[in-house]
N, C-alpha and C. Protein backbone atom coordinates (compact mmCIF):
# COMPACT_ATOMS: atom_id res chain seq x y z
N MET A 1 0.82 -1.19 0.00
CA MET A 1 0.00 0.00 0.00
C MET A 1 0.86 1.25 0.00
N ILE A 2 1.94 1.21 0.75
CA ILE A 2 2.83 2.38 0.84
C ILE A 2 3.51 2.63 -0.51
N ILE A 3 3.90 1.56 -1.20
CA ILE A 3 4.54 1.73 -2.50
C ILE A 3 3.55 2.30 -3.52
N SER A 4 2.30 1.87 -3.44
CA SER A 4 1.29 2.40 -4.37
C SER A 4 1.05 3.88 -4.13
N ILE A 5 0.95 4.27 -2.87
CA ILE A 5 0.72 5.68 -2.55
C ILE A 5 1.91 6.53 -2.96
N SER A 6 3.12 6.04 -2.73
CA SER A 6 4.29 6.81 -3.16
C SER A 6 4.38 6.88 -4.68
N GLY A 7 3.91 5.87 -5.38
CA GLY A 7 3.87 5.91 -6.84
C GLY A 7 2.90 6.95 -7.36
N ILE A 8 1.72 7.01 -6.75
CA ILE A 8 0.74 8.03 -7.15
C ILE A 8 1.28 9.42 -6.86
N ARG A 9 1.90 9.59 -5.71
CA ARG A 9 2.49 10.89 -5.37
C ARG A 9 3.61 11.26 -6.34
N GLY A 10 4.39 10.29 -6.74
CA GLY A 10 5.47 10.55 -7.69
C GLY A 10 4.96 11.00 -9.05
N ILE A 11 3.85 10.43 -9.49
CA ILE A 11 3.27 10.85 -10.77
C ILE A 11 2.72 12.26 -10.67
N LEU A 12 2.06 12.55 -9.56
CA LEU A 12 1.45 13.87 -9.41
C LEU A 12 2.48 14.98 -9.24
N LEU A 13 3.61 14.68 -8.62
CA LEU A 13 4.61 15.71 -8.36
C LEU A 13 5.60 15.91 -9.51
N ASN A 14 5.83 14.89 -10.32
CA ASN A 14 6.82 14.97 -11.40
C ASN A 14 6.13 14.90 -12.75
N ARG A 15 5.67 16.01 -13.22
CA ARG A 15 4.97 16.03 -14.50
C ARG A 15 5.78 16.69 -15.60
N ARG A 16 7.06 16.87 -15.43
CA ARG A 16 7.86 17.57 -16.43
C ARG A 16 8.74 16.64 -17.25
N ASN A 17 9.22 15.59 -16.66
CA ASN A 17 10.19 14.73 -17.33
C ASN A 17 9.58 13.34 -17.50
N ILE A 18 9.56 12.83 -18.71
CA ILE A 18 8.89 11.57 -18.99
C ILE A 18 9.55 10.37 -18.29
N PRO A 19 10.89 10.23 -18.29
CA PRO A 19 11.45 9.07 -17.58
C PRO A 19 11.18 9.10 -16.08
N ILE A 20 11.15 10.29 -15.51
CA ILE A 20 10.86 10.39 -14.09
C ILE A 20 9.39 10.05 -13.83
N MET A 21 8.52 10.33 -14.80
CA MET A 21 7.11 9.96 -14.66
C MET A 21 6.91 8.45 -14.81
N SER A 22 7.75 7.79 -15.56
CA SER A 22 7.56 6.36 -15.77
C SER A 22 8.04 5.52 -14.58
N MET A 23 8.97 6.04 -13.80
CA MET A 23 9.46 5.26 -12.65
C MET A 23 8.40 5.03 -11.58
N PRO A 24 7.57 6.02 -11.20
CA PRO A 24 6.50 5.70 -10.24
C PRO A 24 5.48 4.71 -10.79
N ILE A 25 5.24 4.72 -12.09
CA ILE A 25 4.32 3.74 -12.67
C ILE A 25 4.87 2.34 -12.50
N GLU A 26 6.17 2.20 -12.73
CA GLU A 26 6.80 0.89 -12.54
C GLU A 26 6.75 0.46 -11.08
N SER A 27 6.91 1.40 -10.14
CA SER A 27 6.85 1.02 -8.73
C SER A 27 5.42 0.62 -8.33
N MET A 28 4.41 1.24 -8.93
CA MET A 28 3.04 0.82 -8.65
C MET A 28 2.77 -0.58 -9.20
N LEU A 29 3.30 -0.88 -10.39
CA LEU A 29 3.15 -2.23 -10.93
C LEU A 29 3.87 -3.26 -10.07
N LEU A 30 5.02 -2.88 -9.52
CA LEU A 30 5.74 -3.77 -8.62
C LEU A 30 4.93 -4.01 -7.34
N ALA A 31 4.26 -2.98 -6.84
CA ALA A 31 3.44 -3.15 -5.64
C ALA A 31 2.28 -4.10 -5.89
N VAL A 32 1.64 -3.97 -7.04
CA VAL A 32 0.53 -4.88 -7.38
C VAL A 32 1.04 -6.31 -7.53
N ASN A 33 2.20 -6.46 -8.15
CA ASN A 33 2.77 -7.80 -8.33
C ASN A 33 3.15 -8.40 -6.98
N SER A 34 3.70 -7.60 -6.08
CA SER A 34 4.07 -8.11 -4.75
C SER A 34 2.82 -8.54 -3.98
N ASN A 35 1.75 -7.76 -4.07
CA ASN A 35 0.51 -8.13 -3.39
C ASN A 35 -0.06 -9.43 -3.96
N SER A 36 -0.04 -9.58 -5.27
CA SER A 36 -0.56 -10.82 -5.86
C SER A 36 0.32 -12.01 -5.51
N LEU A 37 1.63 -11.81 -5.44
CA LEU A 37 2.52 -12.91 -5.07
C LEU A 37 2.24 -13.37 -3.64
N VAL A 38 2.05 -12.43 -2.72
CA VAL A 38 1.73 -12.80 -1.34
C VAL A 38 0.39 -13.53 -1.27
N PHE A 39 -0.57 -13.09 -2.06
CA PHE A 39 -1.87 -13.78 -2.09
C PHE A 39 -1.72 -15.20 -2.62
N PHE A 40 -0.96 -15.37 -3.70
CA PHE A 40 -0.80 -16.71 -4.27
C PHE A 40 -0.01 -17.63 -3.35
N VAL A 41 0.94 -17.09 -2.61
CA VAL A 41 1.68 -17.93 -1.66
C VAL A 41 0.78 -18.35 -0.52
N SER A 42 -0.05 -17.42 -0.03
CA SER A 42 -0.93 -17.76 1.09
C SER A 42 -2.02 -18.75 0.67
N SER A 43 -2.45 -18.70 -0.58
CA SER A 43 -3.47 -19.65 -1.04
C SER A 43 -2.85 -20.92 -1.63
N ASP A 44 -1.54 -21.02 -1.61
CA ASP A 44 -0.80 -22.20 -2.05
C ASP A 44 -1.11 -22.54 -3.52
N ASP A 45 -1.11 -21.52 -4.36
CA ASP A 45 -1.37 -21.68 -5.79
C ASP A 45 -0.05 -21.57 -6.54
N MET A 46 0.47 -22.69 -7.02
CA MET A 46 1.77 -22.71 -7.68
C MET A 46 1.73 -22.03 -9.04
N MET A 47 0.63 -22.15 -9.77
CA MET A 47 0.52 -21.50 -11.08
C MET A 47 0.54 -19.99 -10.92
N GLY A 48 -0.14 -19.46 -9.92
CA GLY A 48 -0.14 -18.03 -9.67
C GLY A 48 1.23 -17.53 -9.25
N GLN A 49 1.95 -18.33 -8.48
CA GLN A 49 3.30 -17.94 -8.06
C GLN A 49 4.23 -17.86 -9.25
N SER A 50 4.13 -18.82 -10.17
CA SER A 50 5.00 -18.76 -11.34
C SER A 50 4.60 -17.60 -12.26
N PHE A 51 3.31 -17.29 -12.35
CA PHE A 51 2.88 -16.13 -13.14
C PHE A 51 3.41 -14.84 -12.52
N ALA A 52 3.32 -14.73 -11.20
CA ALA A 52 3.80 -13.52 -10.52
C ALA A 52 5.31 -13.39 -10.60
N SER A 53 6.01 -14.47 -10.77
CA SER A 53 7.47 -14.37 -10.92
C SER A 53 7.88 -14.04 -12.35
N LEU A 54 7.01 -14.28 -13.33
CA LEU A 54 7.32 -13.93 -14.71
C LEU A 54 6.97 -12.48 -15.05
N VAL A 55 6.11 -11.86 -14.29
CA VAL A 55 5.69 -10.48 -14.56
C VAL A 55 6.86 -9.50 -14.51
N PRO A 56 7.79 -9.58 -13.55
CA PRO A 56 8.93 -8.65 -13.58
C PRO A 56 9.81 -8.79 -14.82
N THR A 57 9.86 -9.97 -15.41
CA THR A 57 10.62 -10.15 -16.64
C THR A 57 9.99 -9.35 -17.78
N VAL A 58 8.69 -9.41 -17.89
CA VAL A 58 7.99 -8.64 -18.92
C VAL A 58 8.12 -7.14 -18.64
N ALA A 59 8.05 -6.75 -17.37
CA ALA A 59 8.20 -5.35 -17.00
C ALA A 59 9.59 -4.83 -17.33
N ALA A 60 10.61 -5.65 -17.17
CA ALA A 60 11.98 -5.23 -17.51
C ALA A 60 12.12 -5.03 -19.01
N ALA A 61 11.52 -5.91 -19.79
CA ALA A 61 11.58 -5.75 -21.25
C ALA A 61 10.82 -4.50 -21.68
N GLU A 62 9.70 -4.23 -21.06
CA GLU A 62 8.93 -3.03 -21.38
C GLU A 62 9.70 -1.78 -21.00
N SER A 63 10.40 -1.80 -19.90
CA SER A 63 11.21 -0.65 -19.49
C SER A 63 12.37 -0.41 -20.45
N ALA A 64 12.97 -1.48 -20.93
CA ALA A 64 14.07 -1.33 -21.89
C ALA A 64 13.58 -0.73 -23.20
N ILE A 65 12.42 -1.15 -23.67
CA ILE A 65 11.86 -0.58 -24.90
C ILE A 65 11.50 0.89 -24.69
N GLY A 66 10.90 1.21 -23.55
CA GLY A 66 10.57 2.59 -23.25
C GLY A 66 11.81 3.47 -23.17
N LEU A 67 12.87 2.97 -22.56
CA LEU A 67 14.12 3.74 -22.48
C LEU A 67 14.71 3.96 -23.87
N ALA A 68 14.62 2.97 -24.73
CA ALA A 68 15.11 3.14 -26.10
C ALA A 68 14.32 4.21 -26.84
N ILE A 69 13.00 4.24 -26.62
CA ILE A 69 12.18 5.28 -27.24
C ILE A 69 12.57 6.65 -26.71
N PHE A 70 12.84 6.76 -25.41
CA PHE A 70 13.27 8.04 -24.83
C PHE A 70 14.59 8.50 -25.42
N VAL A 71 15.53 7.58 -25.60
CA VAL A 71 16.84 7.95 -26.14
C VAL A 71 16.71 8.42 -27.58
N ILE A 72 15.92 7.73 -28.39
CA ILE A 72 15.73 8.13 -29.78
C ILE A 72 15.04 9.48 -29.85
N THR A 73 14.03 9.70 -29.01
CA THR A 73 13.33 10.99 -28.99
C THR A 73 14.27 12.11 -28.58
N PHE A 74 15.15 11.84 -27.60
CA PHE A 74 16.09 12.86 -27.17
C PHE A 74 17.10 13.18 -28.28
N ARG A 75 17.54 12.17 -29.00
CA ARG A 75 18.48 12.42 -30.10
C ARG A 75 17.86 13.24 -31.22
N VAL A 76 16.59 12.98 -31.52
CA VAL A 76 15.92 13.69 -32.61
C VAL A 76 15.51 15.09 -32.19
N ARG A 77 14.88 15.23 -31.03
CA ARG A 77 14.30 16.50 -30.61
C ARG A 77 15.22 17.33 -29.73
N GLY A 78 16.15 16.71 -29.03
CA GLY A 78 17.02 17.43 -28.12
C GLY A 78 16.46 17.57 -26.72
N THR A 79 15.21 17.15 -26.51
CA THR A 79 14.59 17.20 -25.19
C THR A 79 13.51 16.12 -25.10
N ILE A 80 13.22 15.72 -23.89
CA ILE A 80 12.12 14.79 -23.66
C ILE A 80 11.16 15.39 -22.64
N ALA A 81 11.05 16.71 -22.65
CA ALA A 81 10.12 17.39 -21.74
C ALA A 81 8.68 17.13 -22.17
N VAL A 82 7.80 17.07 -21.20
CA VAL A 82 6.40 16.76 -21.46
C VAL A 82 5.73 17.87 -22.27
N GLU A 83 6.17 19.10 -22.12
CA GLU A 83 5.54 20.22 -22.80
C GLU A 83 5.65 20.09 -24.33
N TYR A 84 6.65 19.41 -24.82
CA TYR A 84 6.88 19.30 -26.26
C TYR A 84 6.34 18.01 -26.87
N ILE A 85 5.58 17.24 -26.10
CA ILE A 85 5.05 15.98 -26.61
C ILE A 85 4.01 16.23 -27.70
N ASN A 86 3.29 17.34 -27.65
CA ASN A 86 2.25 17.62 -28.65
C ASN A 86 2.85 17.80 -30.05
N SER A 87 4.13 18.10 -30.13
CA SER A 87 4.75 18.30 -31.44
C SER A 87 5.13 16.99 -32.12
N ILE A 88 4.87 15.85 -31.50
CA ILE A 88 5.24 14.56 -32.08
C ILE A 88 4.17 14.06 -33.06
N GLN A 89 3.06 14.73 -33.15
CA GLN A 89 2.00 14.29 -34.05
C GLN A 89 2.52 14.24 -35.49
N GLY A 90 2.10 13.24 -36.24
CA GLY A 90 2.63 13.13 -37.57
C GLY A 90 1.87 12.38 -38.51
C-alpha cells in the first residue's frame, strides 16, 4: 500500500520529465505484483506464483523498450520534456 501511494504521489509531483514519470508507474506495478505474489503464496497456488514471478521479466523488457524510445526521442528532438510531446504528431 505504501509503494502504491508513493507511486501516485510521484506521478502527481513529477509532470515535467517523462522518464521520471515512468518510474513511479513501474513502482506501482511492482506493488501490485508483490501483493498478488503474497496472495498466491498464502493460497498455495503454484501456477499463480509462477505467473507472478514472470511479470517482472515482462516489465523489464517493457522498461528497456521505453528507455530506447526516450533515447531516440532525445536524439531527434534534443529534449524529452512533457511540454513538447504535442509536437510529435505526424
